[in-house]
Structure formats: structure tokens, C-alpha cells
């Protein structure tokens, strides 16, 4: 009788231990799955960021439009669409402050130039990180530009790349890429603040 009771007791202990081990394994799998999901979500959040900026008229212009900045896989793409400009080429730059409060746009400061270079044409010799270039406007006053670079980031810790806290500026004329310090592009006719708010 004692042998039977001892055998039943051993069987019960083994069954209980086995169930606990199975639950423990299940718990570990669930925790691992949650960690993987969290890591994936964090990576996706880091890989894809977007800011939309309204471009407002300055210097008595009639400009209106929008700039969209998207960061994916370490590269920022800026897409700008505007209307209300005169036909021809217009310069577009990033300026050093997200402040479009002045009627003539001067509150935005000069070109964003964290690397302390001379003004120039992007990718050729010296240039500012804010020296984007020129875009064409048609007879109806509409224009657009798309620009991509890995030298910008959205809300990162690298102040030589971070575009948040800067502004998008559209000028009355074209950038000549040589005149210092800003390319002799004329009045600031459109301004948009790049912020995360």
C-alpha cells in the first residue's frame, strides 16, 4: 500500500513540475515575442518620420503652399508645392531659425550653415546645409521641388543634421550660387517653420 501511495505521490509531483515548466516556457516565449514587437516598433518609429510645414506669404507676396519632410532609412526627402509666385526660377533654402514672424522673413536668420562653409551649389565645393537651390514656377504661378539628402535628419541629436528648429524660405529670384553669403536671391517671399508641434 505504501508503495502505491509513494508511486502516486511521485507521479503527482512530476505532473506538477512538468506543468510549471511548460508554463515557464510559454511565459518566456511570450516575453520574447513582446520584446521583438517592441524592438520592431521602435525601429519603425526611428526609420520613418514626417513633418508637414505650411508656407506663408512674406514681403507682400501671394504665395501659399506646403513642404513635407519625410525621413526613411537615414535619408530625408523634402517635397514642396507652392502657388502664387511669379513665373521663372526661385531660390529655396533652409534658414537657421524656425521664426517666420517678421513681415520680410528676416526673423528666420541667415542660411542654416552648421558646418561654417561658404554659400554655394549643393554638392559642388563648399555649400551650406540649407543651400537647396532653385526651382521653376510656371505661368500660372505654380512650382514644386523634391530634394533628398542623407545630410539632414528629423529631430535627431546631431545638430549638424537636425532640420527641426529651422525654416523653409522661398525667395523672389534665383540663387546665383556664388554671391556671398546667400546667392543674391532677392526678397524672402515665403516662409515655413519646421517644428514638431
Protein backbone atom coordinates (compact mmCIF):
# COMPACT_ATOMS: atom_id res chain seq x y z
CA UNK A 1 0.00 0.00 0.00
CA UNK A 2 2.86 2.33 0.89
CA UNK A 3 4.49 1.59 -2.45
CA UNK A 4 1.28 2.51 -4.30
CA UNK A 5 0.89 5.78 -2.32
CA UNK A 6 4.55 6.68 -2.91
CA UNK A 7 4.15 6.00 -6.65
CA UNK A 8 1.02 8.17 -6.82
CA UNK A 9 2.81 10.95 -4.92
CA UNK A 10 5.81 10.80 -7.31
CA UNK A 11 3.50 10.90 -10.32
CA UNK A 12 1.69 13.95 -8.95
CA UNK A 13 4.98 15.79 -8.28
CA UNK A 14 6.24 15.01 -11.81
CA UNK A 15 2.98 16.16 -13.37
CA UNK A 16 3.01 19.41 -11.35
CA UNK A 17 6.67 20.11 -12.20
CA UNK A 18 6.04 19.36 -15.85
CA UNK A 19 3.10 21.80 -15.96
CA UNK A 20 5.17 24.50 -14.26
CA UNK A 21 7.97 24.02 -16.79
CA UNK A 22 5.50 24.23 -19.67
CA UNK A 23 4.03 27.46 -18.26
CA UNK A 24 7.52 28.84 -17.73
CA UNK A 25 8.46 28.08 -21.35
CA UNK A 26 5.23 29.69 -22.56
CA UNK A 27 5.91 32.77 -20.43
CA UNK A 28 9.44 33.03 -21.82
CA UNK A 29 8.16 32.76 -25.40
CA UNK A 30 5.54 35.45 -24.71
CA UNK A 31 8.17 37.79 -23.20
CA UNK A 32 10.49 37.21 -26.17
CA UNK A 33 7.67 37.91 -28.60
CA UNK A 34 6.82 41.17 -26.78
CA UNK A 35 10.47 42.27 -26.80
CA UNK A 36 10.68 41.58 -30.56
CA UNK A 37 7.47 43.55 -31.19
CA UNK A 38 8.76 46.50 -29.10
CA UNK A 39 12.10 46.49 -30.94
CA UNK A 40 10.37 46.37 -34.33
CA UNK A 41 8.03 49.23 -33.39
CA UNK A 42 10.96 51.32 -32.15
CA UNK A 43 12.94 50.69 -35.34
CA UNK A 44 9.93 51.62 -37.49
CA UNK A 45 9.44 54.83 -35.49
CA UNK A 46 13.12 55.69 -35.94
CA UNK A 47 13.13 54.84 -39.64
CA UNK A 48 10.05 56.83 -40.66
CA UNK A 49 9.36 60.41 -39.52
CA UNK A 50 7.34 63.14 -41.21
CA UNK A 51 6.76 66.87 -40.73
CA UNK A 52 4.38 69.00 -42.78
CA UNK A 53 5.12 72.74 -42.95
CA UNK A 54 2.75 75.46 -44.17
CA UNK A 55 4.46 78.10 -46.27
CA UNK A 56 3.12 81.57 -45.55
CA UNK A 57 3.48 84.77 -47.60
CA UNK A 58 6.13 87.32 -46.70
CA UNK A 59 7.23 90.65 -48.24
CA UNK A 60 3.66 91.30 -49.54
CA UNK A 61 3.66 88.19 -51.76
CA UNK A 62 0.68 85.97 -52.56
CA UNK A 63 2.49 82.67 -52.07
CA UNK A 64 0.85 79.69 -50.40
CA UNK A 65 1.91 76.10 -50.21
CA UNK A 66 3.30 73.23 -48.25
CA UNK A 67 6.60 71.49 -47.60
CA UNK A 68 6.65 67.88 -46.45
CA UNK A 69 9.79 66.41 -44.91
CA UNK A 70 9.96 62.61 -44.64
CA UNK A 71 12.82 60.64 -43.13
CA UNK A 72 13.24 56.98 -44.04
CA UNK A 73 16.32 54.77 -43.70
CA UNK A 74 18.65 57.64 -42.87
CA UNK A 75 17.57 59.93 -45.72
CA UNK A 76 15.29 62.98 -45.63
CA UNK A 77 13.14 63.86 -48.64
CA UNK A 78 11.63 67.33 -48.92
CA UNK A 79 8.68 67.84 -51.27
CA UNK A 80 7.48 71.41 -51.77
CA UNK A 81 4.43 72.57 -53.74
CA UNK A 82 3.60 76.28 -53.93
CA UNK A 83 1.37 78.68 -55.83
CA UNK A 84 1.08 82.45 -56.16
CA UNK A 85 4.64 83.11 -57.38
CA UNK A 86 5.86 84.96 -60.45
CA UNK A 87 6.89 82.84 -63.42
CA UNK A 88 10.55 81.80 -63.57
CA UNK A 89 13.16 80.43 -61.19
CA UNK A 90 13.01 80.92 -57.44
CA UNK A 91 15.55 80.00 -54.78
CA UNK A 92 14.66 77.81 -51.83
CA UNK A 93 16.82 77.44 -48.73
CA UNK A 94 16.65 76.31 -45.13
CA UNK A 95 17.26 79.18 -42.72
CA UNK A 96 18.68 78.95 -39.22
CA UNK A 97 15.59 79.69 -37.08
CA UNK A 98 12.00 78.44 -37.03
CA UNK A 99 10.71 82.00 -36.81
CA UNK A 100 8.69 83.47 -39.67
CA UNK A 101 7.16 86.26 -37.58
CA UNK A 102 8.78 89.20 -39.38
CA UNK A 103 6.86 90.53 -42.38
CA UNK A 104 10.02 90.35 -44.51
CA UNK A 105 11.10 86.95 -43.13
CA UNK A 106 14.32 88.27 -41.57
CA UNK A 107 13.35 86.76 -38.19
CA UNK A 108 14.37 83.36 -39.65
CA UNK A 109 18.02 84.47 -39.70
CA UNK A 110 20.51 83.57 -42.40
CA UNK A 111 21.02 80.31 -44.24
CA UNK A 112 21.38 77.28 -41.99
CA UNK A 113 25.13 76.69 -42.03
CA UNK A 114 26.21 74.40 -39.16
CA UNK A 115 29.44 73.38 -40.93
CA UNK A 116 30.54 77.03 -41.41
CA UNK A 117 31.05 76.78 -45.19
CA UNK A 118 30.72 79.44 -47.89
CA UNK A 119 27.44 79.67 -49.78
CA UNK A 120 27.40 77.62 -52.96
CA UNK A 121 25.68 74.94 -55.02
CA UNK A 122 24.70 71.79 -53.19
CA UNK A 123 27.22 69.01 -53.75
CA UNK A 124 29.78 71.19 -55.54
CA UNK A 125 32.64 72.56 -53.43
CA UNK A 126 31.54 74.47 -50.34
CA UNK A 127 27.85 74.96 -49.57
CA UNK A 128 25.53 75.47 -46.63
CA UNK A 129 23.39 72.59 -45.35
CA UNK A 130 20.50 74.91 -46.18
CA UNK A 131 21.58 75.62 -49.78
CA UNK A 132 18.92 73.65 -51.67
CA UNK A 133 18.93 75.52 -54.98
CA UNK A 134 16.32 76.77 -57.46
CA UNK A 135 13.01 75.50 -58.80
CA UNK A 136 10.82 76.51 -61.74
CA UNK A 137 7.46 78.25 -61.49
CA UNK A 138 5.06 78.10 -64.43
CA UNK A 139 2.94 80.84 -66.00
CA UNK A 140 0.10 80.04 -63.58
CA UNK A 141 2.37 80.70 -60.59
CA UNK A 142 2.73 77.07 -59.56
CA UNK A 143 6.00 75.38 -58.73
CA UNK A 144 7.35 72.29 -57.00
CA UNK A 145 10.62 70.70 -55.98
CA UNK A 146 11.68 67.38 -54.49
CA UNK A 147 15.04 67.14 -52.78
CA UNK A 148 16.64 64.20 -50.90
CA UNK A 149 19.76 64.01 -48.75
CA UNK A 150 21.40 61.96 -46.01
CA UNK A 151 22.93 65.17 -44.62
CA UNK A 152 19.66 66.07 -42.87
CA UNK A 153 17.67 64.32 -40.15
CA UNK A 154 14.37 64.99 -38.43
CA UNK A 155 14.59 65.67 -34.69
CA UNK A 156 17.84 63.75 -34.15
CA UNK A 157 20.65 64.64 -31.73
CA UNK A 158 23.16 65.66 -34.42
CA UNK A 159 22.91 69.45 -34.63
CA UNK A 160 24.83 69.45 -37.91
CA UNK A 161 21.99 67.44 -39.47
CA UNK A 162 18.83 68.20 -37.49
CA UNK A 163 16.39 70.34 -39.52
CA UNK A 164 13.89 70.79 -36.69
CA UNK A 165 14.03 74.37 -35.44
CA UNK A 166 14.89 75.71 -38.91
CA UNK A 167 12.67 77.30 -41.57
CA UNK A 168 11.98 76.81 -45.27
CA UNK A 169 12.47 80.05 -47.18
CA UNK A 170 11.43 80.84 -50.74
CA UNK A 171 12.93 83.87 -52.45
CA UNK A 172 11.75 86.32 -55.07
CA UNK A 173 14.54 85.43 -57.51
CA UNK A 174 17.02 82.70 -58.37
CA UNK A 175 20.14 81.75 -56.42
CA UNK A 176 23.31 82.53 -58.41
CA UNK A 177 25.30 80.04 -56.23
CA UNK A 178 28.27 82.41 -55.96
CA UNK A 179 27.29 85.67 -54.23
CA UNK A 180 28.05 85.64 -50.51
CA UNK A 181 26.51 85.00 -48.12
CA UNK A 182 23.20 83.98 -49.71
CA UNK A 183 23.27 83.82 -53.51
CA UNK A 184 21.65 87.21 -54.21
CA UNK A 185 18.20 85.61 -54.50
CA UNK A 186 16.18 88.68 -53.57
CA UNK A 187 13.37 89.20 -51.09
CA UNK A 188 12.07 86.45 -48.84
CA UNK A 189 8.57 85.86 -50.20
CA UNK A 190 7.57 82.60 -48.48
CA UNK A 191 8.45 81.14 -45.08
CA UNK A 192 7.56 77.97 -43.18
CA UNK A 193 8.66 76.93 -39.69
CA UNK A 194 9.98 73.36 -39.31
CA UNK A 195 8.76 72.23 -35.91
CA UNK A 196 7.41 69.07 -34.30
CA UNK A 197 4.50 70.92 -32.64
